[in-house]
Amino acid sequence: MKIAIMGAMPEEVAPILEKLGEYKTTKYADNEYYEATYKGVDIVVAYSKIGKVFSTLTATTMIEHFNCDRLLFSGVAGGINPSLKIGDLIVATKLSQHDLDITAFGHPMGFVPGGSVFVEADKDLIALSKDVAKELGKTVKEGIIATGDQFVHDEKVKQTIVKHFNADALEMEGGSVAVVCKSLNVPFFILRAISDTADTDASFSFDEFMESSAIISAEFIMKMIDRVVE
């Protein structure tokens, strides 16, 4: 077993690296990958940089170059389900790309021929996350996460995404990571802590709460790893 742990930004993986302690840094494909052993299992950690292109490159590298056979993503997201508040955790049941638009050819938003609008996350890892949530005494929502190469802070854009995808949260990497993992037959799990509510105050909220939300997500991911390696 070799587990990949991804984030998009340094702040999202820093709490994980702190818990791992010692690690080796490997530079590859214009990025840095942190290799460690945790409870007898090999772990590779990386932050991809923001966006679908970078997250696709990083996820593919972790699977194809570093031979990881499952992938867990830890990070933050904007909440668009009114029930989600800053600091809440959401596990992706399925993911879409909200900015993939070839509707001019009669296809639904998020669809590309040969693909699908949604990619489902690994059910076993989702089930495991429920046990971890109970252990930690946390409430974790399951829902749809929509991915796009934009930081959404406009109510009209948010409502358009809700209309097409019935999404609960927005971010910029999960949908592309999901496509990579599905294509390469690697089980994946995507956890996001809510750092903003994708509205006109999103940039302010994000700066204020991103670091604390990332720590919440990272702590949960490490508990997931504890259960996976048991």
C-alpha atoms as a PDB file:
ATOM      1  CA  MET A   1       0.000   0.000   0.000  1.00  0.00           C
ATOM      2  CA  LYS A   2       1.222   3.488  -0.867  1.00  0.00           C
ATOM      3  CA  ILE A   3      -0.997   6.450  -0.090  1.00  0.00           C
ATOM      4  CA  ALA A   4      -1.021   9.839  -1.802  1.00  0.00           C
ATOM      5  CA  ILE A   5      -2.158  12.851   0.215  1.00  0.00           C
ATOM      6  CA  MET A   6      -2.840  15.958  -1.830  1.00  0.00           C
ATOM      7  CA  GLY A   7      -3.701  19.570  -1.209  1.00  0.00           C
ATOM      8  CA  ALA A   8      -3.710  22.558  -3.505  1.00  0.00           C
ATOM      9  CA  MET A   9      -1.779  25.014  -1.354  1.00  0.00           C
ATOM     10  CA  PRO A  10       1.123  24.803   1.109  1.00  0.00           C
ATOM     11  CA  GLU A  11      -1.233  25.699   3.964  1.00  0.00           C
ATOM     12  CA  GLU A  12      -3.331  22.618   3.187  1.00  0.00           C
ATOM     13  CA  VAL A  13      -0.491  20.110   3.499  1.00  0.00           C
ATOM     14  CA  ALA A  14       1.643  21.810   6.172  1.00  0.00           C
ATOM     15  CA  PRO A  15      -0.386  20.334   9.086  1.00  0.00           C
ATOM     16  CA  ILE A  16      -0.019  16.862   7.536  1.00  0.00           C
ATOM     17  CA  LEU A  17       3.739  17.199   7.137  1.00  0.00           C
ATOM     18  CA  GLU A  18       3.958  18.356  10.740  1.00  0.00           C
ATOM     19  CA  LYS A  19       2.191  15.186  11.911  1.00  0.00           C
ATOM     20  CA  LEU A  20       4.365  12.956   9.714  1.00  0.00           C
ATOM     21  CA  GLY A  21       7.543  14.420  11.197  1.00  0.00           C
ATOM     22  CA  GLU A  22      10.476  13.239   9.096  1.00  0.00           C
ATOM     23  CA  TYR A  23      10.160  13.122   5.315  1.00  0.00           C
ATOM     24  CA  LYS A  24      12.265  13.191   2.171  1.00  0.00           C
ATOM     25  CA  THR A  25      11.730  15.918  -0.411  1.00  0.00           C
ATOM     26  CA  THR A  26      11.831  14.859  -4.059  1.00  0.00           C
ATOM     27  CA  LYS A  27      11.680  17.397  -6.878  1.00  0.00           C
ATOM     28  CA  TYR A  28       9.903  16.186  -9.978  1.00  0.00           C
ATOM     29  CA  ALA A  29       7.904  17.764 -12.838  1.00  0.00           C
ATOM     30  CA  ASP A  30       8.335  21.283 -11.478  1.00  0.00           C
ATOM     31  CA  ASN A  31       6.938  20.392  -8.061  1.00  0.00           C
ATOM     32  CA  GLU A  32       8.036  18.968  -4.710  1.00  0.00           C
ATOM     33  CA  TYR A  33       6.857  15.644  -3.292  1.00  0.00           C
ATOM     34  CA  TYR A  34       7.329  14.709   0.346  1.00  0.00           C
ATOM     35  CA  GLU A  35       7.917  11.011   1.007  1.00  0.00           C
ATOM     36  CA  ALA A  36       7.494   9.539   4.473  1.00  0.00           C
ATOM     37  CA  THR A  37       6.736   6.310   6.285  1.00  0.00           C
ATOM     38  CA  TYR A  38       3.817   6.385   8.691  1.00  0.00           C
ATOM     39  CA  LYS A  39       2.961   3.377  10.828  1.00  0.00           C
ATOM     40  CA  GLY A  40       4.752   1.138   8.348  1.00  0.00           C
ATOM     41  CA  VAL A  41       2.997   2.518   5.274  1.00  0.00           C
ATOM     42  CA  ASP A  42       4.594   4.673   2.561  1.00  0.00           C
ATOM     43  CA  ILE A  43       3.035   8.114   2.198  1.00  0.00           C
ATOM     44  CA  VAL A  44       3.603  10.705  -0.536  1.00  0.00           C
ATOM     45  CA  VAL A  45       2.386  14.245   0.157  1.00  0.00           C
ATOM     46  CA  ALA A  46       2.194  17.137  -2.298  1.00  0.00           C
ATOM     47  CA  TYR A  47       0.446  20.406  -2.905  1.00  0.00           C
ATOM     48  CA  SER A  48      -0.407  20.799  -6.545  1.00  0.00           C
ATOM     49  CA  LYS A  49      -0.787  24.557  -6.819  1.00  0.00           C
ATOM     50  CA  ILE A  50      -4.217  25.947  -7.571  1.00  0.00           C
ATOM     51  CA  GLY A  51      -6.419  24.840 -10.460  1.00  0.00           C
ATOM     52  CA  LYS A  52      -7.426  21.871 -12.566  1.00  0.00           C
ATOM     53  CA  VAL A  53      -4.301  21.680 -14.726  1.00  0.00           C
ATOM     54  CA  PHE A  54      -1.861  21.600 -11.818  1.00  0.00           C
ATOM     55  CA  SER A  55      -3.990  19.195  -9.793  1.00  0.00           C
ATOM     56  CA  THR A  56      -4.274  16.854 -12.776  1.00  0.00           C
ATOM     57  CA  LEU A  57      -0.500  16.875 -13.223  1.00  0.00           C
ATOM     58  CA  THR A  58       0.144  16.258  -9.533  1.00  0.00           C
ATOM     59  CA  ALA A  59      -2.422  13.487  -9.115  1.00  0.00           C
ATOM     60  CA  THR A  60      -1.126  11.709 -12.222  1.00  0.00           C
ATOM     61  CA  THR A  61       2.470  12.018 -11.045  1.00  0.00           C
ATOM     62  CA  MET A  62       1.657  10.615  -7.611  1.00  0.00           C
ATOM     63  CA  ILE A  63      -0.033   7.596  -9.178  1.00  0.00           C
ATOM     64  CA  GLU A  64       2.161   6.929 -12.210  1.00  0.00           C
ATOM     65  CA  HIS A  65       5.601   8.069 -11.000  1.00  0.00           C
ATOM     66  CA  PHE A  66       5.385   7.425  -7.260  1.00  0.00           C
ATOM     67  CA  ASN A  67       3.115   4.361  -7.626  1.00  0.00           C
ATOM     68  CA  CYS A  68       0.474   5.437  -5.106  1.00  0.00           C
ATOM     69  CA  ASP A  69      -2.525   3.110  -5.107  1.00  0.00           C
ATOM     70  CA  ARG A  70      -5.036   5.350  -3.348  1.00  0.00           C
ATOM     71  CA  LEU A  71      -5.384   9.105  -3.009  1.00  0.00           C
ATOM     72  CA  LEU A  72      -6.786  11.326  -0.266  1.00  0.00           C
ATOM     73  CA  PHE A  73      -7.292  15.034  -0.820  1.00  0.00           C
ATOM     74  CA  SER A  74      -7.328  17.512   2.058  1.00  0.00           C
ATOM     75  CA  GLY A  75      -8.263  21.138   1.595  1.00  0.00           C
ATOM     76  CA  VAL A  76     -10.755  23.963   1.806  1.00  0.00           C
ATOM     77  CA  ALA A  77     -13.796  24.926  -0.252  1.00  0.00           C
ATOM     78  CA  GLY A  78     -16.521  27.510  -0.563  1.00  0.00           C
ATOM     79  CA  GLY A  79     -19.883  26.418   0.750  1.00  0.00           C
ATOM     80  CA  ILE A  80     -22.960  27.016  -1.398  1.00  0.00           C
ATOM     81  CA  ASN A  81     -25.365  24.777   0.481  1.00  0.00           C
ATOM     82  CA  PRO A  82     -26.968  27.160   3.020  1.00  0.00           C
ATOM     83  CA  SER A  83     -26.562  24.539   5.748  1.00  0.00           C
ATOM     84  CA  LEU A  84     -22.763  24.703   5.472  1.00  0.00           C
ATOM     85  CA  LYS A  85     -20.934  27.111   7.750  1.00  0.00           C
ATOM     86  CA  ILE A  86     -17.292  28.109   7.925  1.00  0.00           C
ATOM     87  CA  GLY A  87     -15.270  25.287   9.509  1.00  0.00           C
ATOM     88  CA  ASP A  88     -17.771  22.547   8.554  1.00  0.00           C
ATOM     89  CA  LEU A  89     -16.465  19.413   6.827  1.00  0.00           C
ATOM     90  CA  ILE A  90     -17.847  17.984   3.596  1.00  0.00           C
ATOM     91  CA  VAL A  91     -16.970  14.667   1.963  1.00  0.00           C
ATOM     92  CA  ALA A  92     -17.471  14.480  -1.784  1.00  0.00           C
ATOM     93  CA  THR A  93     -19.830  11.716  -2.896  1.00  0.00           C
ATOM     94  CA  LYS A  94     -19.346  12.835  -6.487  1.00  0.00           C
ATOM     95  CA  LEU A  95     -17.645  15.678  -8.302  1.00  0.00           C
ATOM     96  CA  SER A  96     -18.172  17.705 -11.461  1.00  0.00           C
ATOM     97  CA  GLN A  97     -16.423  20.399 -13.492  1.00  0.00           C
ATOM     98  CA  HIS A  98     -18.755  23.372 -13.417  1.00  0.00           C
ATOM     99  CA  ASP A  99     -16.822  25.371 -16.019  1.00  0.00           C
ATOM    100  CA  LEU A 100     -16.713  22.618 -18.642  1.00  0.00           C
ATOM    101  CA  ASP A 101     -19.185  24.000 -21.173  1.00  0.00           C
ATOM    102  CA  ILE A 102     -19.972  22.523 -24.579  1.00  0.00           C
ATOM    103  CA  THR A 103     -23.690  23.182 -24.296  1.00  0.00           C
ATOM    104  CA  ALA A 104     -23.497  24.751 -27.775  1.00  0.00           C
ATOM    105  CA  PHE A 105     -23.357  21.179 -29.099  1.00  0.00           C
ATOM    106  CA  GLY A 106     -26.388  20.022 -27.154  1.00  0.00           C
ATOM    107  CA  HIS A 107     -24.558  18.519 -24.165  1.00  0.00           C
ATOM    108  CA  PRO A 108     -25.327  19.293 -20.505  1.00  0.00           C
ATOM    109  CA  MET A 109     -22.986  21.482 -18.494  1.00  0.00           C
ATOM    110  CA  GLY A 110     -19.981  19.560 -17.217  1.00  0.00           C
ATOM    111  CA  PHE A 111     -20.217  16.820 -19.843  1.00  0.00           C
ATOM    112  CA  VAL A 112     -17.660  15.928 -22.476  1.00  0.00           C
ATOM    113  CA  PRO A 113     -18.077  13.052 -24.957  1.00  0.00           C
ATOM    114  CA  GLY A 114     -16.409   9.932 -23.581  1.00  0.00           C
ATOM    115  CA  GLY A 115     -16.760  11.243 -20.054  1.00  0.00           C
ATOM    116  CA  SER A 116     -19.553  12.018 -17.631  1.00  0.00           C
ATOM    117  CA  VAL A 117     -20.930  14.990 -15.742  1.00  0.00           C
ATOM    118  CA  PHE A 118     -20.106  13.427 -12.356  1.00  0.00           C
ATOM    119  CA  VAL A 119     -17.357  11.148 -11.053  1.00  0.00           C
ATOM    120  CA  GLU A 120     -18.190   9.200  -7.897  1.00  0.00           C
ATOM    121  CA  ALA A 121     -15.711   8.952  -5.027  1.00  0.00           C
ATOM    122  CA  ASP A 122     -14.752   5.637  -3.430  1.00  0.00           C
ATOM    123  CA  LYS A 123     -17.635   4.297  -1.346  1.00  0.00           C
ATOM    124  CA  ASP A 124     -15.406   2.318   1.028  1.00  0.00           C
ATOM    125  CA  LEU A 125     -13.371   5.386   1.941  1.00  0.00           C
ATOM    126  CA  ILE A 126     -16.570   7.403   2.410  1.00  0.00           C
ATOM    127  CA  ALA A 127     -17.888   4.694   4.726  1.00  0.00           C
ATOM    128  CA  LEU A 128     -14.611   4.777   6.647  1.00  0.00           C
ATOM    129  CA  SER A 129     -14.932   8.541   7.016  1.00  0.00           C
ATOM    130  CA  LYS A 130     -18.238   8.054   8.833  1.00  0.00           C
ATOM    131  CA  ASP A 131     -16.471   5.943  11.451  1.00  0.00           C
ATOM    132  CA  VAL A 132     -13.747   8.568  11.784  1.00  0.00           C
ATOM    133  CA  ALA A 133     -16.345  11.316  12.198  1.00  0.00           C
ATOM    134  CA  LYS A 134     -17.959   9.373  15.048  1.00  0.00           C
ATOM    135  CA  GLU A 135     -14.585   8.796  16.660  1.00  0.00           C
ATOM    136  CA  LEU A 136     -13.785  12.506  16.508  1.00  0.00           C
ATOM    137  CA  GLY A 137     -17.282  13.579  17.486  1.00  0.00           C
ATOM    138  CA  LYS A 138     -17.648  15.621  14.314  1.00  0.00           C
ATOM    139  CA  THR A 139     -20.561  16.117  11.975  1.00  0.00           C
ATOM    140  CA  VAL A 140     -19.451  15.594   8.376  1.00  0.00           C
ATOM    141  CA  LYS A 141     -21.780  16.329   5.482  1.00  0.00           C
ATOM    142  CA  GLU A 142     -21.719  14.235   2.325  1.00  0.00           C
ATOM    143  CA  GLY A 143     -22.449  16.075  -0.874  1.00  0.00           C
ATOM    144  CA  ILE A 144     -21.644  17.146  -4.407  1.00  0.00           C
ATOM    145  CA  ILE A 145     -18.526  19.211  -4.994  1.00  0.00           C
ATOM    146  CA  ALA A 146     -18.185  21.289  -8.154  1.00  0.00           C
ATOM    147  CA  THR A 147     -14.761  22.206  -9.494  1.00  0.00           C
ATOM    148  CA  GLY A 148     -13.746  25.066 -11.765  1.00  0.00           C
ATOM    149  CA  ASP A 149     -10.829  27.321 -12.590  1.00  0.00           C
ATOM    150  CA  GLN A 150     -12.269  30.345 -10.851  1.00  0.00           C
ATOM    151  CA  PHE A 151     -12.671  31.602  -7.307  1.00  0.00           C
ATOM    152  CA  VAL A 152     -16.421  32.122  -7.119  1.00  0.00           C
ATOM    153  CA  HIS A 153     -17.586  35.198  -5.228  1.00  0.00           C
ATOM    154  CA  ASP A 154     -20.662  36.148  -7.234  1.00  0.00           C
ATOM    155  CA  GLU A 155     -24.183  35.152  -6.228  1.00  0.00           C
ATOM    156  CA  LYS A 156     -25.404  34.772  -9.828  1.00  0.00           C
ATOM    157  CA  VAL A 157     -22.524  32.448 -10.720  1.00  0.00           C
ATOM    158  CA  LYS A 158     -23.149  30.462  -7.555  1.00  0.00           C
ATOM    159  CA  GLN A 159     -26.835  29.994  -8.341  1.00  0.00           C
ATOM    160  CA  THR A 160     -26.039  28.929 -11.911  1.00  0.00           C
ATOM    161  CA  ILE A 161     -23.766  26.194 -10.554  1.00  0.00           C
ATOM    162  CA  VAL A 162     -26.440  25.093  -8.100  1.00  0.00           C
ATOM    163  CA  LYS A 163     -28.958  24.942 -10.962  1.00  0.00           C
ATOM    164  CA  HIS A 164     -26.804  22.715 -13.170  1.00  0.00           C
ATOM    165  CA  PHE A 165     -25.067  20.516 -10.587  1.00  0.00           C
ATOM    166  CA  ASN A 166     -27.022  20.784  -7.332  1.00  0.00           C
ATOM    167  CA  ALA A 167     -23.613  21.319  -5.749  1.00  0.00           C
ATOM    168  CA  ASP A 168     -23.001  21.771  -2.038  1.00  0.00           C
ATOM    169  CA  ALA A 169     -19.484  23.204  -2.258  1.00  0.00           C
ATOM    170  CA  LEU A 170     -17.101  24.771  -4.762  1.00  0.00           C
ATOM    171  CA  GLU A 171     -13.355  24.437  -5.204  1.00  0.00           C
ATOM    172  CA  MET A 172     -10.690  24.330  -7.922  1.00  0.00           C
ATOM    173  CA  GLU A 173      -9.102  20.845  -7.965  1.00  0.00           C
ATOM    174  CA  GLY A 174     -11.321  17.955  -6.881  1.00  0.00           C
ATOM    175  CA  GLY A 175     -13.156  17.324 -10.144  1.00  0.00           C
ATOM    176  CA  SER A 176      -9.962  16.968 -12.136  1.00  0.00           C
ATOM    177  CA  VAL A 177      -8.361  14.745  -9.492  1.00  0.00           C
ATOM    178  CA  ALA A 178     -11.481  12.578  -9.624  1.00  0.00           C
ATOM    179  CA  VAL A 179     -11.159  12.144 -13.399  1.00  0.00           C
ATOM    180  CA  VAL A 180      -7.508  11.097 -13.045  1.00  0.00           C
ATOM    181  CA  CYS A 181      -8.235   8.581 -10.300  1.00  0.00           C
ATOM    182  CA  LYS A 182     -11.211   7.092 -12.109  1.00  0.00           C
ATOM    183  CA  SER A 183      -9.233   6.760 -15.337  1.00  0.00           C
ATOM    184  CA  LEU A 184      -6.314   5.073 -13.564  1.00  0.00           C
ATOM    185  CA  ASN A 185      -8.550   2.937 -11.328  1.00  0.00           C
ATOM    186  CA  VAL A 186      -7.274   4.399  -8.063  1.00  0.00           C
ATOM    187  CA  PRO A 187      -9.684   4.768  -5.103  1.00  0.00           C
ATOM    188  CA  PHE A 188      -9.928   8.380  -3.978  1.00  0.00           C
ATOM    189  CA  PHE A 189     -11.423  10.439  -1.165  1.00  0.00           C
ATOM    190  CA  ILE A 190     -11.886  14.206  -1.152  1.00  0.00           C
ATOM    191  CA  LEU A 191     -12.490  16.114   2.071  1.00  0.00           C
ATOM    192  CA  ARG A 192     -13.006  19.844   2.246  1.00  0.00           C
ATOM    193  CA  ALA A 193     -13.384  22.201   5.192  1.00  0.00           C
ATOM    194  CA  ILE A 194     -15.524  25.245   4.445  1.00  0.00           C
ATOM    195  CA  SER A 195     -13.444  28.434   4.439  1.00  0.00           C
ATOM    196  CA  ASP A 196     -15.968  30.808   2.866  1.00  0.00           C
ATOM    197  CA  THR A 197     -19.506  30.846   1.519  1.00  0.00           C
ATOM    198  CA  ALA A 198     -18.744  31.718  -2.127  1.00  0.00           C
ATOM    199  CA  ASP A 199     -20.440  35.112  -1.927  1.00  0.00           C
ATOM    200  CA  THR A 200     -19.383  38.749  -2.201  1.00  0.00           C
ATOM    201  CA  ASP A 201     -17.444  38.434   1.058  1.00  0.00           C
ATOM    202  CA  ALA A 202     -15.647  35.269  -0.055  1.00  0.00           C
ATOM    203  CA  SER A 203     -12.194  36.792  -0.468  1.00  0.00           C
ATOM    204  CA  PHE A 204     -12.315  38.264   3.037  1.00  0.00           C
ATOM    205  CA  SER A 205     -13.625  35.051   4.580  1.00  0.00           C
ATOM    206  CA  PHE A 206     -11.093  32.944   2.709  1.00  0.00           C
ATOM    207  CA  ASP A 207      -8.089  34.891   3.953  1.00  0.00           C
ATOM    208  CA  GLU A 208      -9.388  34.821   7.506  1.00  0.00           C
ATOM    209  CA  PHE A 209     -10.441  31.202   7.788  1.00  0.00           C
ATOM    210  CA  MET A 210      -8.386  29.259   5.221  1.00  0.00           C
ATOM    211  CA  GLU A 211      -5.555  28.282   7.568  1.00  0.00           C
ATOM    212  CA  SER A 212      -7.798  27.166  10.438  1.00  0.00           C
ATOM    213  CA  SER A 213     -10.104  25.278   8.053  1.00  0.00           C
ATOM    214  CA  ALA A 214      -7.122  23.549   6.434  1.00  0.00           C
ATOM    215  CA  ILE A 215      -5.977  22.343   9.861  1.00  0.00           C
ATOM    216  CA  ILE A 216      -9.426  20.882  10.550  1.00  0.00           C
ATOM    217  CA  SER A 217      -9.388  19.030   7.216  1.00  0.00           C
ATOM    218  CA  ALA A 218      -5.813  17.790   7.705  1.00  0.00           C
ATOM    219  CA  GLU A 219      -6.539  16.413  11.169  1.00  0.00           C
ATOM    220  CA  PHE A 220      -9.451  14.425   9.785  1.00  0.00           C
ATOM    221  CA  ILE A 221      -7.351  13.095   6.897  1.00  0.00           C
ATOM    222  CA  MET A 222      -4.677  11.857   9.296  1.00  0.00           C
ATOM    223  CA  LYS A 223      -7.343  10.008  11.298  1.00  0.00           C
ATOM    224  CA  MET A 224      -8.455   8.466   8.005  1.00  0.00           C
ATOM    225  CA  ILE A 225      -4.890   7.314   7.397  1.00  0.00           C
ATOM    226  CA  ASP A 226      -4.805   5.785  10.884  1.00  0.00           C
ATOM    227  CA  ARG A 227      -7.854   3.699  10.005  1.00  0.00           C
ATOM    228  CA  VAL A 228      -6.613   2.753   6.530  1.00  0.00           C
ATOM    229  CA  VAL A 229      -3.312   1.386   7.858  1.00  0.00           C
ATOM    230  CA  GLU A 230      -4.858  -0.582  10.738  1.00  0.00           C
END
